[in-house]
């Protein structure tokens, strides 16, 4: 059974380079492009605009923005503006944000879930033409799909109830069927599953570096299941925030790759994704390694095409 797939960038590269990679992904068959909002990286909305201008049909959205570094009202206005300029090609994406966006801004929200829930309400109402306080987007017409991302069950339940898409990341592959069943029982949201592809030993080590985010930002039960105690998590946090991902890799067990990523030969990766086809509606391929991004897109696209083949 065929399925659509998309690409998910951290804007750590120049905007022109991200545009080139987005165009390559579109040529290889991608239909969605998400841009992370990391605060100190390239601006998510400037990057989104460039990608929208230089691609033909890609649906583009923030993956994800948060209610702390960006006010929900201005976020809604920005999303509405993008939709006005590029009708039916824009998604909205919300979440609580992670360490890389909040810590450099000295933000330490005490009730992140409550703030996210309020942001969802504000954005949904404004984009539906309603007034929130004295704010109203009386110039906006249209509908923008909403995607919510979060690793905790409360956020995922909120997404199932209120969003068009639930973005699943950092989930053990073995847990994906149960997670998908729970989400679908809670509402009508579709599931966008994001997982790293590790089809070689070199890719496995590169993937492991990016699990430092999971080690730092995931709920305690997910960290515990991965064998990460508090002391190791703090060491990973320090290395990650210092930009020393090699040190972070040395602190993380390689077994994480087999549990949380799609790993093996290209043929094995395709079969793994195919076996989980009933658990998702869209596959999102994260792209984080700048130097090998183009090669990774070219190598991953055939794996995804094979996985989607009947």
Protein backbone atom coordinates (compact mmCIF):
# COMPACT_ATOMS: atom_id res chain seq x y z
CA UNK A 1 0.00 0.00 0.00
CA UNK A 2 1.54 3.26 -1.09
CA UNK A 3 2.05 6.16 1.30
CA UNK A 4 3.32 9.76 1.05
CA UNK A 5 6.61 10.84 2.60
CA UNK A 6 8.21 14.12 3.50
CA UNK A 7 11.44 15.74 4.63
CA UNK A 8 12.19 17.43 7.96
CA UNK A 9 15.04 19.93 8.19
CA UNK A 10 16.80 21.64 11.04
CA UNK A 11 17.72 25.02 9.51
CA UNK A 12 21.40 24.66 10.43
CA UNK A 13 22.45 25.21 6.83
CA UNK A 14 22.16 28.37 4.72
CA UNK A 15 18.63 28.97 3.47
CA UNK A 16 19.71 28.62 -0.15
CA UNK A 17 21.14 25.18 0.64
CA UNK A 18 17.92 24.07 2.36
CA UNK A 19 15.97 25.22 -0.70
CA UNK A 20 18.21 23.12 -2.95
CA UNK A 21 17.70 20.07 -0.73
CA UNK A 22 13.94 20.63 -0.60
CA UNK A 23 13.85 20.78 -4.40
CA UNK A 24 15.84 17.55 -4.56
CA UNK A 25 13.46 15.87 -2.11
CA UNK A 26 10.46 17.02 -4.14
CA UNK A 27 12.03 15.62 -7.31
CA UNK A 28 12.59 12.32 -5.49
CA UNK A 29 8.93 12.14 -4.46
CA UNK A 30 8.56 14.04 -1.17
CA UNK A 31 5.24 15.86 -0.71
CA UNK A 32 5.77 17.58 2.66
CA UNK A 33 8.61 19.69 4.07
CA UNK A 34 8.82 20.60 7.75
CA UNK A 35 11.29 23.17 9.07
CA UNK A 36 12.33 23.06 12.73
CA UNK A 37 12.10 26.17 14.89
CA UNK A 38 15.28 26.05 16.99
CA UNK A 39 15.50 29.69 18.02
CA UNK A 40 19.18 30.27 17.32
CA UNK A 41 19.18 28.56 13.91
CA UNK A 42 17.89 30.17 10.70
CA UNK A 43 14.42 31.62 11.15
CA UNK A 44 11.75 29.02 10.51
CA UNK A 45 9.32 31.31 8.68
CA UNK A 46 11.91 32.96 6.47
CA UNK A 47 13.15 29.51 5.52
CA UNK A 48 9.61 28.25 4.91
CA UNK A 49 8.92 31.19 2.60
CA UNK A 50 12.05 30.50 0.56
CA UNK A 51 11.15 26.80 0.21
CA UNK A 52 7.58 27.64 -0.82
CA UNK A 53 8.81 30.10 -3.44
CA UNK A 54 11.29 27.68 -4.99
CA UNK A 55 9.29 24.43 -5.03
CA UNK A 56 6.23 23.47 -7.03
CA UNK A 57 3.87 21.49 -4.85
CA UNK A 58 5.50 20.81 -1.48
CA UNK A 59 3.32 21.36 1.57
CA UNK A 60 5.51 23.30 4.03
CA UNK A 61 5.10 23.87 7.76
CA UNK A 62 6.95 24.61 10.99
CA UNK A 63 8.04 21.45 12.68
CA UNK A 64 7.44 22.70 15.24
CA UNK A 65 7.04 26.17 16.78
CA UNK A 66 6.11 26.81 20.41
CA UNK A 67 4.10 29.22 22.58
CA UNK A 68 7.12 30.64 24.47
CA UNK A 69 9.63 32.02 21.98
CA UNK A 70 6.78 33.10 19.66
CA UNK A 71 3.48 34.55 20.85
CA UNK A 72 0.48 32.45 19.72
CA UNK A 73 -1.29 35.45 18.18
CA UNK A 74 1.69 36.48 16.04
CA UNK A 75 2.24 32.84 15.13
CA UNK A 76 -1.34 32.58 13.87
CA UNK A 77 -0.91 35.78 11.86
CA UNK A 78 2.30 34.46 10.31
CA UNK A 79 0.72 31.16 9.32
CA UNK A 80 -2.29 32.99 7.88
CA UNK A 81 0.02 35.24 5.85
CA UNK A 82 1.88 32.27 4.41
CA UNK A 83 -1.40 30.58 3.51
CA UNK A 84 -2.58 33.76 1.79
CA UNK A 85 0.63 33.86 -0.28
CA UNK A 86 0.73 30.10 -0.98
CA UNK A 87 -2.85 28.76 -0.78
CA UNK A 88 -3.26 25.12 0.28
CA UNK A 89 0.49 24.57 0.62
CA UNK A 90 0.95 25.49 4.29
CA UNK A 91 0.65 23.51 7.51
CA UNK A 92 0.73 24.83 11.03
CA UNK A 93 2.87 22.99 13.59
CA UNK A 94 2.85 23.42 17.36
CA UNK A 95 4.58 21.80 20.33
CA UNK A 96 6.13 22.74 23.65
CA UNK A 97 9.64 23.17 22.24
CA UNK A 98 12.87 21.51 23.30
CA UNK A 99 16.14 22.36 25.02
CA UNK A 100 17.81 23.78 21.91
CA UNK A 101 15.18 26.49 21.50
CA UNK A 102 14.28 27.22 25.12
CA UNK A 103 17.60 27.12 26.98
CA UNK A 104 19.49 29.64 24.80
CA UNK A 105 16.58 32.03 25.39
CA UNK A 106 16.70 31.41 29.15
CA UNK A 107 13.14 30.09 29.04
CA UNK A 108 12.07 27.53 31.62
CA UNK A 109 8.29 27.14 31.32
CA UNK A 110 6.66 25.70 34.41
CA UNK A 111 3.47 24.52 32.74
CA UNK A 112 4.41 23.72 29.14
CA UNK A 113 1.40 21.52 28.44
CA UNK A 114 -1.03 24.16 29.71
CA UNK A 115 0.65 26.79 27.52
CA UNK A 116 0.50 24.50 24.50
CA UNK A 117 -3.18 23.77 25.04
CA UNK A 118 -3.91 27.51 25.27
CA UNK A 119 -1.87 28.15 22.11
CA UNK A 120 -3.83 25.48 20.24
CA UNK A 121 -7.08 27.12 21.33
CA UNK A 122 -5.91 30.64 20.39
CA UNK A 123 -4.56 29.58 17.00
CA UNK A 124 -7.56 27.43 16.15
CA UNK A 125 -10.00 30.20 16.96
CA UNK A 126 -8.08 32.96 15.18
CA UNK A 127 -7.63 30.87 12.04
CA UNK A 128 -11.36 30.09 12.14
CA UNK A 129 -12.14 33.82 12.00
CA UNK A 130 -13.04 34.24 15.66
CA UNK A 131 -11.93 37.03 17.98
CA UNK A 132 -9.60 36.19 20.86
CA UNK A 133 -9.56 39.09 23.28
CA UNK A 134 -9.07 42.03 20.96
CA UNK A 135 -7.19 40.00 18.34
CA UNK A 136 -8.83 38.94 15.10
CA UNK A 137 -7.53 37.95 11.68
CA UNK A 138 -10.45 39.55 9.86
CA UNK A 139 -8.53 39.46 6.57
CA UNK A 140 -7.89 35.72 6.58
CA UNK A 141 -9.86 33.22 4.54
CA UNK A 142 -9.14 29.54 4.27
CA UNK A 143 -8.19 26.52 6.34
CA UNK A 144 -4.74 25.49 7.54
CA UNK A 145 -4.14 21.93 8.76
CA UNK A 146 -2.71 21.77 12.30
CA UNK A 147 0.01 19.31 13.31
CA UNK A 148 0.97 18.76 16.95
CA UNK A 149 4.22 17.15 18.04
CA UNK A 150 5.13 15.86 21.47
CA UNK A 151 6.54 12.76 23.10
CA UNK A 152 4.31 12.70 26.17
CA UNK A 153 0.87 11.03 26.27
CA UNK A 154 -1.00 14.22 27.23
CA UNK A 155 0.30 16.09 24.19
CA UNK A 156 -0.45 13.16 21.93
CA UNK A 157 -3.97 12.89 23.34
CA UNK A 158 -4.46 16.62 22.74
CA UNK A 159 -3.23 16.18 19.18
CA UNK A 160 -5.59 13.28 18.57
CA UNK A 161 -8.53 15.37 19.80
CA UNK A 162 -7.73 18.79 18.33
CA UNK A 163 -5.26 18.49 15.45
CA UNK A 164 -5.32 17.22 11.89
CA UNK A 165 -1.96 15.50 12.33
CA UNK A 166 -0.09 13.89 15.23
CA UNK A 167 3.67 13.95 14.68
CA UNK A 168 5.30 10.92 16.31
CA UNK A 169 9.04 11.05 17.02
CA UNK A 170 11.43 9.16 19.30
CA UNK A 171 9.17 6.15 19.60
CA UNK A 172 10.52 2.60 19.83
CA UNK A 173 9.48 0.80 16.69
CA UNK A 174 8.04 -2.02 18.80
CA UNK A 175 5.64 0.46 20.47
CA UNK A 176 4.41 2.09 17.27
CA UNK A 177 1.36 -0.18 16.69
CA UNK A 178 0.04 0.40 20.21
CA UNK A 179 0.70 4.16 19.99
CA UNK A 180 -1.10 4.38 16.66
CA UNK A 181 -4.10 2.45 17.96
CA UNK A 182 -4.36 4.70 21.02
CA UNK A 183 -4.12 7.90 18.96
CA UNK A 184 -6.70 6.78 16.43
CA UNK A 185 -9.07 5.82 19.22
CA UNK A 186 -8.81 9.36 20.59
CA UNK A 187 -9.86 11.32 17.50
CA UNK A 188 -9.61 11.72 13.75
CA UNK A 189 -6.04 12.97 13.47
CA UNK A 190 -3.74 11.35 10.95
CA UNK A 191 -0.30 10.14 12.01
CA UNK A 192 2.98 11.51 10.66
CA UNK A 193 5.72 9.16 11.81
CA UNK A 194 9.27 10.49 11.83
CA UNK A 195 12.11 8.00 12.12
CA UNK A 196 15.76 8.02 11.18
CA UNK A 197 16.98 5.65 8.50
CA UNK A 198 20.27 3.89 9.29
CA UNK A 199 21.14 1.72 6.30
CA UNK A 200 24.90 1.55 6.95
CA UNK A 201 27.29 1.54 9.93
CA UNK A 202 28.26 5.14 9.19
CA UNK A 203 24.61 6.17 9.21
CA UNK A 204 24.08 4.38 12.53
CA UNK A 205 26.69 6.53 14.25
CA UNK A 206 25.34 9.69 12.65
CA UNK A 207 21.84 8.78 13.78
CA UNK A 208 23.04 8.14 17.32
CA UNK A 209 24.32 11.73 17.59
CA UNK A 210 20.81 13.03 17.03
CA UNK A 211 19.36 10.86 19.78
CA UNK A 212 20.98 13.30 22.20
CA UNK A 213 17.82 15.40 21.78
CA UNK A 214 15.71 12.42 22.78
CA UNK A 215 17.91 11.77 25.79
CA UNK A 216 17.48 15.34 27.02
CA UNK A 217 13.91 16.23 26.04
CA UNK A 218 11.96 12.99 26.35
CA UNK A 219 9.76 12.17 29.35
CA UNK A 220 11.50 10.20 32.14
CA UNK A 221 9.86 6.90 31.23
CA UNK A 222 11.21 7.05 27.67
CA UNK A 223 14.71 7.90 28.94
CA UNK A 224 14.55 5.06 31.47
CA UNK A 225 13.44 2.58 28.81
CA UNK A 226 16.47 3.59 26.76
CA UNK A 227 18.79 2.93 29.72
CA UNK A 228 19.61 6.60 30.34
CA UNK A 229 19.94 7.59 34.00
CA UNK A 230 19.87 11.20 35.22
CA UNK A 231 23.65 11.52 35.45
CA UNK A 232 24.19 10.40 31.88
CA UNK A 233 21.36 12.61 30.64
CA UNK A 234 23.00 15.68 32.18
CA UNK A 235 26.31 14.83 30.53
CA UNK A 236 24.55 14.42 27.19
CA UNK A 237 22.78 17.76 27.73
CA UNK A 238 26.08 19.56 28.38
CA UNK A 239 27.72 18.03 25.32
CA UNK A 240 24.72 18.76 23.10
CA UNK A 241 24.38 22.40 24.13
CA UNK A 242 28.11 22.84 23.60
CA UNK A 243 27.71 21.47 20.09
CA UNK A 244 29.98 18.50 20.85
CA UNK A 245 27.89 15.73 19.31
CA UNK A 246 30.84 13.34 19.16
CA UNK A 247 31.01 13.45 22.95
CA UNK A 248 27.25 12.94 23.10
CA UNK A 249 27.53 9.86 20.90
CA UNK A 250 30.08 8.30 23.24
CA UNK A 251 27.56 8.63 26.09
CA UNK A 252 24.70 6.92 24.27
CA UNK A 253 24.21 3.16 23.84
CA UNK A 254 24.32 1.99 20.22
CA UNK A 255 21.28 -0.17 20.99
CA UNK A 256 19.22 3.01 20.77
CA UNK A 257 19.59 2.93 16.99
CA UNK A 258 18.08 -0.53 16.67
CA UNK A 259 15.21 0.36 19.01
CA UNK A 260 14.31 3.84 17.77
CA UNK A 261 15.55 4.01 14.16
CA UNK A 262 14.82 2.00 11.04
CA UNK A 263 18.13 0.16 10.77
CA UNK A 264 19.67 -2.53 8.59
CA UNK A 265 20.39 -2.92 4.91
CA UNK A 266 18.32 -0.79 2.52
CA UNK A 267 16.16 -3.84 1.82
CA UNK A 268 15.68 -4.51 5.53
CA UNK A 269 14.80 -0.85 6.15
CA UNK A 270 12.17 -0.95 3.42
CA UNK A 271 10.68 -4.15 4.84
CA UNK A 272 10.56 -2.69 8.38
CA UNK A 273 8.68 0.38 7.18
CA UNK A 274 6.38 -1.77 5.06
CA UNK A 275 5.58 -3.95 8.08
CA UNK A 276 4.48 -0.86 10.04
CA UNK A 277 2.46 0.65 7.18
CA UNK A 278 -0.85 0.41 9.06
CA UNK A 279 0.54 2.59 11.86
CA UNK A 280 1.06 5.86 9.95
CA UNK A 281 -0.32 8.04 7.17
CA UNK A 282 2.85 9.97 6.33
CA UNK A 283 6.52 9.12 6.79
CA UNK A 284 8.81 12.03 7.69
CA UNK A 285 12.53 11.70 7.02
CA UNK A 286 14.66 13.89 9.34
CA UNK A 287 17.70 15.54 7.79
CA UNK A 288 20.28 16.80 10.27
CA UNK A 289 23.73 16.00 8.94
CA UNK A 290 24.70 18.96 6.77
CA UNK A 291 27.62 17.46 4.87
CA UNK A 292 25.79 14.31 3.78
CA UNK A 293 22.23 15.66 3.44
CA UNK A 294 22.08 15.38 -0.34
CA UNK A 295 23.48 11.84 -0.35
CA UNK A 296 21.08 10.83 2.42
CA UNK A 297 18.05 12.08 0.49
CA UNK A 298 19.17 10.29 -2.66
CA UNK A 299 19.83 7.05 -0.74
CA UNK A 300 16.66 7.20 1.36
CA UNK A 301 14.20 7.90 -1.46
CA UNK A 302 14.57 4.43 -3.06
CA UNK A 303 14.13 2.83 0.38
CA UNK A 304 10.88 4.71 0.87
CA UNK A 305 9.69 3.96 -2.64
CA UNK A 306 10.39 0.28 -2.07
CA UNK A 307 8.58 0.39 1.29
CA UNK A 308 5.55 2.00 -0.36
CA UNK A 309 5.38 -0.49 -3.21
CA UNK A 310 2.47 -2.90 -3.26
